[in-house]
Amino acid sequence: MPDGTAPPDGAPQPSPAEITPTGHPGVDAALVRLQALDGVPTEEHVPVYEDVHQRLADTLTALDLP
């Protein structure tokens, strides 16, 4: 719940998103990092998003495109 309280009994619970592997180790590692957000207060998400963004940017930079 947004205010940090538990939902009433019987209320639907959000399920963690399943990560579908892409086959690229760098991208997969970045996506798995998002799972660290499960149960973490929203105000603590920013550093994780920044880390994932940097990992993905580094992966794109490392691609050898013609």
N, C-alpha and C. Protein backbone atom coordinates (compact mmCIF):
# COMPACT_ATOMS: atom_id res chain seq x y z
N MET A 1 0.85 -1.18 0.00
CA MET A 1 0.00 0.00 0.00
C MET A 1 0.90 1.24 0.00
N PRO A 2 0.43 2.35 -0.60
CA PRO A 2 1.26 3.54 -0.69
C PRO A 2 1.70 4.10 0.64
N ASP A 3 0.86 3.95 1.67
CA ASP A 3 1.20 4.53 2.97
C ASP A 3 2.01 3.57 3.84
N GLY A 4 2.39 2.41 3.30
CA GLY A 4 3.21 1.47 4.02
C GLY A 4 2.42 0.47 4.84
N THR A 5 1.09 0.57 4.86
CA THR A 5 0.28 -0.38 5.61
C THR A 5 -0.05 -1.57 4.72
N ALA A 6 -0.33 -2.69 5.36
CA ALA A 6 -0.69 -3.89 4.61
C ALA A 6 -2.12 -3.77 4.11
N PRO A 7 -2.42 -4.34 2.93
CA PRO A 7 -3.79 -4.29 2.44
C PRO A 7 -4.69 -5.18 3.29
N PRO A 8 -6.01 -4.91 3.28
CA PRO A 8 -6.92 -5.75 4.07
C PRO A 8 -6.88 -7.19 3.57
N ASP A 9 -7.22 -8.13 4.46
CA ASP A 9 -7.26 -9.54 4.08
C ASP A 9 -8.14 -9.73 2.86
N GLY A 10 -7.68 -10.57 1.95
CA GLY A 10 -8.45 -10.85 0.75
C GLY A 10 -8.20 -9.89 -0.39
N ALA A 11 -7.49 -8.79 -0.11
CA ALA A 11 -7.20 -7.83 -1.17
C ALA A 11 -6.17 -8.43 -2.11
N PRO A 12 -6.30 -8.18 -3.42
CA PRO A 12 -5.30 -8.73 -4.35
C PRO A 12 -3.93 -8.15 -4.08
N GLN A 13 -2.94 -8.99 -4.15
CA GLN A 13 -1.56 -8.58 -3.95
C GLN A 13 -0.87 -8.47 -5.30
N PRO A 14 -0.09 -7.42 -5.52
CA PRO A 14 0.66 -7.36 -6.77
C PRO A 14 1.69 -8.48 -6.79
N SER A 15 1.84 -9.11 -7.92
CA SER A 15 2.85 -10.16 -8.02
C SER A 15 4.10 -9.58 -8.66
N PRO A 16 5.25 -10.09 -8.25
CA PRO A 16 6.48 -9.58 -8.87
C PRO A 16 6.49 -9.91 -10.35
N ALA A 17 6.98 -8.99 -11.13
CA ALA A 17 7.06 -9.20 -12.57
C ALA A 17 8.08 -10.29 -12.86
N GLU A 18 7.72 -11.15 -13.79
CA GLU A 18 8.66 -12.18 -14.20
C GLU A 18 9.63 -11.58 -15.20
N ILE A 19 10.89 -11.90 -15.02
CA ILE A 19 11.92 -11.42 -15.93
C ILE A 19 12.14 -12.50 -16.98
N THR A 20 11.93 -12.13 -18.23
CA THR A 20 12.17 -13.05 -19.33
C THR A 20 13.58 -12.81 -19.83
N PRO A 21 14.43 -13.83 -19.76
CA PRO A 21 15.81 -13.64 -20.21
C PRO A 21 15.86 -13.21 -21.68
N THR A 22 16.76 -12.30 -21.97
CA THR A 22 16.93 -11.81 -23.34
C THR A 22 18.01 -12.58 -24.08
N GLY A 23 18.87 -13.26 -23.32
CA GLY A 23 19.99 -13.95 -23.93
C GLY A 23 21.26 -13.12 -23.94
N HIS A 24 21.15 -11.85 -23.58
CA HIS A 24 22.33 -10.98 -23.50
C HIS A 24 22.66 -10.80 -22.02
N PRO A 25 23.82 -11.28 -21.58
CA PRO A 25 24.14 -11.24 -20.15
C PRO A 25 24.05 -9.86 -19.50
N GLY A 26 24.51 -8.82 -20.19
CA GLY A 26 24.46 -7.48 -19.62
C GLY A 26 23.05 -6.97 -19.43
N VAL A 27 22.20 -7.22 -20.40
CA VAL A 27 20.80 -6.80 -20.30
C VAL A 27 20.08 -7.62 -19.24
N ASP A 28 20.32 -8.92 -19.23
CA ASP A 28 19.67 -9.77 -18.24
C ASP A 28 20.06 -9.38 -16.81
N ALA A 29 21.33 -9.05 -16.61
CA ALA A 29 21.77 -8.62 -15.28
C ALA A 29 21.09 -7.32 -14.86
N ALA A 30 20.91 -6.41 -15.80
CA ALA A 30 20.24 -5.15 -15.49
C ALA A 30 18.77 -5.39 -15.13
N LEU A 31 18.11 -6.28 -15.87
CA LEU A 31 16.70 -6.56 -15.60
C LEU A 31 16.52 -7.27 -14.26
N VAL A 32 17.43 -8.17 -13.94
CA VAL A 32 17.35 -8.86 -12.64
C VAL A 32 17.50 -7.85 -11.50
N ARG A 33 18.29 -6.83 -11.74
CA ARG A 33 18.50 -5.79 -10.72
C ARG A 33 17.18 -5.13 -10.33
N LEU A 34 16.24 -5.06 -11.28
CA LEU A 34 14.93 -4.46 -10.98
C LEU A 34 14.17 -5.27 -9.94
N GLN A 35 14.45 -6.55 -9.85
CA GLN A 35 13.78 -7.36 -8.85
C GLN A 35 14.13 -6.94 -7.43
N ALA A 36 15.21 -6.22 -7.28
CA ALA A 36 15.60 -5.73 -5.95
C ALA A 36 14.59 -4.72 -5.42
N LEU A 37 13.71 -4.23 -6.28
CA LEU A 37 12.73 -3.22 -5.86
C LEU A 37 11.53 -3.82 -5.15
N ASP A 38 11.36 -5.13 -5.25
CA ASP A 38 10.19 -5.78 -4.64
C ASP A 38 10.21 -5.57 -3.13
N GLY A 39 9.21 -4.89 -2.63
CA GLY A 39 9.09 -4.65 -1.20
C GLY A 39 9.88 -3.46 -0.69
N VAL A 40 10.56 -2.75 -1.57
CA VAL A 40 11.36 -1.59 -1.16
C VAL A 40 10.50 -0.33 -1.28
N PRO A 41 10.56 0.57 -0.30
CA PRO A 41 9.78 1.80 -0.39
C PRO A 41 10.12 2.59 -1.66
N THR A 42 9.12 3.22 -2.23
CA THR A 42 9.26 3.94 -3.49
C THR A 42 10.40 4.95 -3.47
N GLU A 43 10.59 5.62 -2.37
CA GLU A 43 11.64 6.64 -2.32
C GLU A 43 13.04 6.04 -2.45
N GLU A 44 13.17 4.74 -2.30
CA GLU A 44 14.47 4.07 -2.45
C GLU A 44 14.66 3.47 -3.85
N HIS A 45 13.72 3.68 -4.76
CA HIS A 45 13.81 3.12 -6.11
C HIS A 45 14.80 3.87 -7.00
N VAL A 46 14.97 5.16 -6.79
CA VAL A 46 15.79 5.97 -7.69
C VAL A 46 17.20 5.42 -7.88
N PRO A 47 17.93 5.07 -6.84
CA PRO A 47 19.29 4.56 -7.07
C PRO A 47 19.30 3.27 -7.90
N VAL A 48 18.29 2.44 -7.72
CA VAL A 48 18.22 1.20 -8.51
C VAL A 48 17.94 1.52 -9.97
N TYR A 49 17.00 2.43 -10.22
CA TYR A 49 16.71 2.83 -11.61
C TYR A 49 17.94 3.45 -12.26
N GLU A 50 18.66 4.27 -11.51
CA GLU A 50 19.87 4.89 -12.06
C GLU A 50 20.91 3.83 -12.40
N ASP A 51 21.06 2.83 -11.54
CA ASP A 51 22.00 1.74 -11.78
C ASP A 51 21.60 0.95 -13.02
N VAL A 52 20.33 0.61 -13.14
CA VAL A 52 19.86 -0.14 -14.30
C VAL A 52 20.05 0.68 -15.57
N HIS A 53 19.74 1.96 -15.51
CA HIS A 53 19.92 2.83 -16.67
C HIS A 53 21.38 2.85 -17.11
N GLN A 54 22.28 2.97 -16.14
CA GLN A 54 23.71 3.01 -16.46
C GLN A 54 24.17 1.68 -17.06
N ARG A 55 23.71 0.57 -16.50
CA ARG A 55 24.08 -0.74 -17.03
C ARG A 55 23.62 -0.90 -18.48
N LEU A 56 22.39 -0.48 -18.75
CA LEU A 56 21.86 -0.61 -20.11
C LEU A 56 22.59 0.35 -21.06
N ALA A 57 22.88 1.56 -20.61
CA ALA A 57 23.62 2.51 -21.44
C ALA A 57 25.01 1.97 -21.75
N ASP A 58 25.67 1.38 -20.75
CA ASP A 58 27.00 0.79 -20.99
C ASP A 58 26.92 -0.36 -21.98
N THR A 59 25.87 -1.16 -21.88
CA THR A 59 25.70 -2.28 -22.80
C THR A 59 25.52 -1.76 -24.23
N LEU A 60 24.72 -0.73 -24.40
CA LEU A 60 24.52 -0.16 -25.74
C LEU A 60 25.81 0.43 -26.27
N THR A 61 26.55 1.10 -25.42
CA THR A 61 27.82 1.72 -25.84
C THR A 61 28.82 0.65 -26.30
N ALA A 62 28.78 -0.50 -25.64
CA ALA A 62 29.74 -1.56 -25.96
C ALA A 62 29.40 -2.32 -27.25
N LEU A 63 28.20 -2.12 -27.77
CA LEU A 63 27.84 -2.83 -29.01
C LEU A 63 28.69 -2.34 -30.16
N ASP A 64 29.11 -3.25 -30.98
CA ASP A 64 29.92 -2.91 -32.14
C ASP A 64 28.98 -2.81 -33.33
N LEU A 65 28.46 -1.62 -33.57
CA LEU A 65 27.52 -1.43 -34.67
C LEU A 65 28.26 -0.88 -35.90
N PRO A 66 27.87 -1.39 -37.07
CA PRO A 66 28.52 -0.89 -38.31
C PRO A 66 28.14 0.55 -38.60
